């Protein structure tokens, strides 16, 4: 199964892929134009930070001149956006 994930404000299109027996839940993020640069930057940050803390595993990444596609595993917990929605004063 797949579903569009509208949480956050990255400007990227995000899909949650789930429900396949014996397969991890995944997230597919797509960016076009300047948002492709943001998706690429996220991939670089994930690669760097993964040695310091638990993060989603990058399963696949594709970059073309105009598009970037990032496929990652899901990890338990809340996104930063969800925490800020729940505790708006914590972002100050």
N, C-alpha and C. Protein backbone atom coordinates (compact mmCIF):
# COMPACT_ATOMS: atom_id res chain seq x y z
N UNK A 1 0.84 -1.18 0.00
CA UNK A 1 0.00 0.00 0.00
C UNK A 1 0.89 1.24 0.00
N UNK A 2 0.32 2.34 -0.40
CA UNK A 2 1.02 3.61 -0.33
C UNK A 2 0.02 4.71 -0.03
N UNK A 3 0.50 5.76 0.61
CA UNK A 3 -0.35 6.90 0.94
C UNK A 3 0.50 8.16 0.91
N UNK A 4 -0.10 9.24 0.47
CA UNK A 4 0.59 10.54 0.47
C UNK A 4 0.72 11.00 1.91
N UNK A 5 1.89 11.47 2.28
CA UNK A 5 2.16 11.98 3.62
C UNK A 5 2.26 13.49 3.52
N UNK A 6 1.34 14.19 4.16
CA UNK A 6 1.30 15.65 4.07
C UNK A 6 1.86 16.34 5.31
N UNK A 7 2.54 15.60 6.19
CA UNK A 7 3.13 16.19 7.39
C UNK A 7 4.39 16.93 7.00
N UNK A 8 4.56 18.12 7.55
CA UNK A 8 5.78 18.88 7.31
C UNK A 8 5.60 19.96 6.26
N UNK A 9 6.68 20.70 6.05
CA UNK A 9 6.63 21.84 5.14
C UNK A 9 7.85 21.88 4.23
N UNK A 10 8.36 20.72 3.85
CA UNK A 10 9.60 20.69 3.07
C UNK A 10 9.42 21.12 1.63
N UNK A 11 8.20 21.05 1.12
CA UNK A 11 7.97 21.34 -0.29
C UNK A 11 8.11 20.12 -1.17
N UNK A 12 8.64 19.04 -0.60
CA UNK A 12 8.78 17.79 -1.35
C UNK A 12 7.47 17.01 -1.31
N UNK A 13 7.30 16.11 -2.26
CA UNK A 13 6.18 15.18 -2.25
C UNK A 13 6.65 13.93 -1.53
N UNK A 14 5.88 13.48 -0.53
CA UNK A 14 6.29 12.35 0.29
C UNK A 14 5.20 11.29 0.28
N UNK A 15 5.63 10.04 0.09
CA UNK A 15 4.72 8.91 0.12
C UNK A 15 5.20 7.92 1.17
N UNK A 16 4.23 7.36 1.92
CA UNK A 16 4.53 6.30 2.88
C UNK A 16 4.14 4.99 2.22
N UNK A 17 5.07 4.05 2.18
CA UNK A 17 4.87 2.73 1.58
C UNK A 17 4.82 1.72 2.73
N UNK A 18 3.72 0.98 2.84
CA UNK A 18 3.54 0.12 4.01
C UNK A 18 2.63 -1.06 3.68
N UNK A 19 2.59 -2.02 4.61
CA UNK A 19 1.63 -3.11 4.52
C UNK A 19 2.08 -4.34 3.77
N UNK A 20 3.31 -4.37 3.28
CA UNK A 20 3.80 -5.56 2.58
C UNK A 20 4.37 -6.51 3.64
N UNK A 21 3.88 -7.75 3.69
CA UNK A 21 4.39 -8.69 4.70
C UNK A 21 5.91 -8.84 4.63
N UNK A 22 6.52 -8.87 5.79
CA UNK A 22 7.97 -9.07 5.92
C UNK A 22 8.79 -8.00 5.22
N UNK A 23 8.23 -6.81 5.05
CA UNK A 23 8.97 -5.71 4.42
C UNK A 23 8.88 -4.49 5.34
N UNK A 24 9.93 -3.71 5.40
CA UNK A 24 9.89 -2.52 6.26
C UNK A 24 8.97 -1.45 5.69
N UNK A 25 8.45 -0.61 6.58
CA UNK A 25 7.72 0.57 6.13
C UNK A 25 8.75 1.54 5.56
N UNK A 26 8.41 2.17 4.43
CA UNK A 26 9.36 3.05 3.74
C UNK A 26 8.73 4.41 3.49
N UNK A 27 9.58 5.40 3.27
CA UNK A 27 9.15 6.72 2.83
C UNK A 27 9.89 7.06 1.54
N UNK A 28 9.14 7.55 0.56
CA UNK A 28 9.70 7.99 -0.71
C UNK A 28 9.48 9.49 -0.81
N UNK A 29 10.57 10.23 -0.93
CA UNK A 29 10.50 11.69 -1.01
C UNK A 29 10.98 12.11 -2.39
N UNK A 30 10.20 12.98 -3.04
CA UNK A 30 10.55 13.48 -4.37
C UNK A 30 10.58 15.00 -4.35
N UNK A 31 11.63 15.55 -4.93
CA UNK A 31 11.74 16.99 -5.08
C UNK A 31 12.07 17.34 -6.51
N UNK A 32 11.49 18.43 -6.99
CA UNK A 32 11.72 18.91 -8.35
C UNK A 32 12.26 20.33 -8.27
N UNK A 33 13.18 20.68 -9.17
CA UNK A 33 13.74 22.03 -9.18
C UNK A 33 14.56 22.29 -7.93
N UNK A 34 14.32 23.43 -7.28
CA UNK A 34 15.10 23.77 -6.08
C UNK A 34 14.83 22.81 -4.93
N UNK A 35 13.65 22.20 -4.90
CA UNK A 35 13.35 21.23 -3.85
C UNK A 35 14.20 19.97 -4.04
N UNK A 36 14.60 19.66 -5.26
CA UNK A 36 15.51 18.53 -5.50
C UNK A 36 16.83 18.76 -4.77
N UNK A 37 17.28 20.00 -4.72
CA UNK A 37 18.50 20.31 -3.97
C UNK A 37 18.30 20.05 -2.48
N UNK A 38 17.11 20.38 -1.95
CA UNK A 38 16.82 20.13 -0.54
C UNK A 38 16.81 18.63 -0.24
N UNK A 39 16.23 17.84 -1.13
CA UNK A 39 16.19 16.39 -0.94
C UNK A 39 17.62 15.82 -1.00
N UNK A 40 18.43 16.33 -1.90
CA UNK A 40 19.83 15.91 -1.99
C UNK A 40 20.57 16.27 -0.71
N UNK A 41 20.36 17.48 -0.21
CA UNK A 41 21.00 17.90 1.04
C UNK A 41 20.57 17.01 2.21
N UNK A 42 19.30 16.62 2.23
CA UNK A 42 18.82 15.72 3.29
C UNK A 42 19.54 14.38 3.22
N UNK A 43 19.72 13.85 2.02
CA UNK A 43 20.43 12.58 1.85
C UNK A 43 21.86 12.69 2.39
N UNK A 44 22.53 13.80 2.09
CA UNK A 44 23.90 14.01 2.56
C UNK A 44 23.92 14.07 4.09
N UNK A 45 22.97 14.80 4.69
CA UNK A 45 22.91 14.91 6.15
C UNK A 45 22.64 13.55 6.79
N UNK A 46 21.72 12.77 6.21
CA UNK A 46 21.44 11.44 6.76
C UNK A 46 22.67 10.56 6.71
N UNK A 47 23.40 10.59 5.60
CA UNK A 47 24.63 9.80 5.49
C UNK A 47 25.63 10.19 6.57
N UNK A 48 25.76 11.48 6.83
CA UNK A 48 26.73 11.95 7.81
C UNK A 48 26.28 11.63 9.24
N UNK A 49 25.03 11.93 9.56
CA UNK A 49 24.55 11.79 10.94
C UNK A 49 24.34 10.35 11.38
N UNK A 50 24.23 9.43 10.44
CA UNK A 50 23.91 8.05 10.79
C UNK A 50 24.95 7.42 11.71
N UNK A 51 26.18 7.91 11.69
CA UNK A 51 27.18 7.33 12.59
C UNK A 51 27.06 7.86 14.01
N UNK A 52 26.25 8.89 14.22
CA UNK A 52 26.11 9.51 15.54
C UNK A 52 24.80 9.20 16.24
N UNK A 53 23.76 8.81 15.51
CA UNK A 53 22.45 8.56 16.11
C UNK A 53 21.62 7.66 15.21
N UNK A 54 20.58 7.03 15.78
CA UNK A 54 19.71 6.20 14.95
C UNK A 54 18.90 7.07 13.99
N UNK A 55 18.97 6.76 12.74
CA UNK A 55 18.28 7.51 11.69
C UNK A 55 17.70 6.53 10.68
N UNK A 56 16.79 7.01 9.84
CA UNK A 56 16.30 6.14 8.77
C UNK A 56 17.46 5.67 7.88
N UNK A 57 17.35 4.46 7.40
CA UNK A 57 18.35 3.92 6.48
C UNK A 57 18.00 4.36 5.06
N UNK A 58 18.98 4.84 4.34
CA UNK A 58 18.78 5.20 2.94
C UNK A 58 18.79 3.91 2.13
N UNK A 59 17.67 3.61 1.49
CA UNK A 59 17.57 2.41 0.67
C UNK A 59 17.96 2.68 -0.78
N UNK A 60 17.66 3.90 -1.25
CA UNK A 60 17.98 4.25 -2.63
C UNK A 60 17.90 5.76 -2.79
N UNK A 61 18.75 6.29 -3.67
CA UNK A 61 18.72 7.72 -3.97
C UNK A 61 19.03 7.89 -5.46
N UNK A 62 18.23 8.72 -6.11
CA UNK A 62 18.45 9.03 -7.53
C UNK A 62 18.41 10.54 -7.69
N UNK A 63 19.38 11.07 -8.43
CA UNK A 63 19.41 12.50 -8.72
C UNK A 63 19.57 12.68 -10.23
N UNK A 64 18.71 13.50 -10.82
CA UNK A 64 18.84 13.92 -12.21
C UNK A 64 19.01 15.44 -12.18
N UNK A 65 19.23 16.09 -13.31
CA UNK A 65 19.37 17.54 -13.27
C UNK A 65 18.18 18.27 -12.64
N UNK A 66 16.97 17.73 -12.78
CA UNK A 66 15.78 18.43 -12.27
C UNK A 66 15.06 17.75 -11.12
N UNK A 67 15.38 16.50 -10.82
CA UNK A 67 14.63 15.74 -9.82
C UNK A 67 15.57 15.02 -8.86
N UNK A 68 15.05 14.77 -7.65
CA UNK A 68 15.74 13.93 -6.68
C UNK A 68 14.70 13.03 -6.03
N UNK A 69 15.04 11.75 -5.88
CA UNK A 69 14.18 10.75 -5.25
C UNK A 69 14.98 10.12 -4.11
N UNK A 70 14.41 10.11 -2.91
CA UNK A 70 15.07 9.54 -1.73
C UNK A 70 14.13 8.52 -1.10
N UNK A 71 14.58 7.27 -1.01
CA UNK A 71 13.80 6.19 -0.40
C UNK A 71 14.49 5.80 0.90
N UNK A 72 13.75 5.92 2.02
CA UNK A 72 14.31 5.60 3.33
C UNK A 72 13.38 4.68 4.10
N UNK A 73 13.95 4.01 5.09
CA UNK A 73 13.13 3.23 6.01
C UNK A 73 12.46 4.19 6.99
N UNK A 74 11.38 3.72 7.58
CA UNK A 74 10.72 4.48 8.64
C UNK A 74 11.37 4.11 9.97
N UNK A 75 11.35 5.04 10.92
CA UNK A 75 11.79 4.74 12.27
C UNK A 75 10.67 5.15 13.22
N UNK A 76 10.57 4.49 14.38
CA UNK A 76 9.49 4.83 15.31
C UNK A 76 9.68 6.24 15.88
N UNK A 77 8.57 6.83 16.24
CA UNK A 77 8.61 8.15 16.88
C UNK A 77 7.85 9.19 16.10
N UNK A 78 8.09 10.45 16.46
CA UNK A 78 7.40 11.57 15.83
C UNK A 78 8.40 12.39 15.03
N UNK A 79 7.89 13.06 14.01
CA UNK A 79 8.73 13.99 13.26
C UNK A 79 8.90 15.28 14.06
N UNK A 80 9.90 16.06 13.71
CA UNK A 80 10.09 17.36 14.37
C UNK A 80 8.85 18.23 14.17
N UNK A 81 8.25 18.17 13.00
CA UNK A 81 7.04 18.94 12.72
C UNK A 81 5.92 18.54 13.68
N UNK A 82 5.75 17.24 13.93
CA UNK A 82 4.70 16.77 14.84
C UNK A 82 4.95 17.23 16.27
N UNK A 83 6.20 17.21 16.71
CA UNK A 83 6.54 17.68 18.06
C UNK A 83 6.24 19.17 18.19
N UNK A 84 6.61 19.96 17.19
CA UNK A 84 6.35 21.40 17.24
C UNK A 84 4.85 21.70 17.19
N UNK A 85 4.08 20.89 16.48
CA UNK A 85 2.62 21.06 16.47
C UNK A 85 2.04 20.78 17.86
N UNK A 86 2.58 19.75 18.52
CA UNK A 86 2.09 19.36 19.83
C UNK A 86 2.55 20.32 20.92
N UNK A 87 3.77 20.84 20.80
CA UNK A 87 4.36 21.74 21.79
C UNK A 87 4.88 22.99 21.09
N UNK A 88 4.00 23.88 20.67
CA UNK A 88 4.43 25.03 19.85
C UNK A 88 5.44 25.95 20.55
N UNK A 89 5.42 26.02 21.87
CA UNK A 89 6.36 26.90 22.58
C UNK A 89 7.78 26.34 22.60
N UNK A 90 7.96 25.06 22.29
CA UNK A 90 9.30 24.47 22.32
C UNK A 90 10.16 24.91 21.15
N UNK A 91 9.56 25.51 20.14
CA UNK A 91 10.33 25.96 18.97
C UNK A 91 10.91 27.35 19.12
N UNK A 92 10.65 27.99 20.24
CA UNK A 92 11.14 29.37 20.43
C UNK A 92 12.49 29.39 21.08
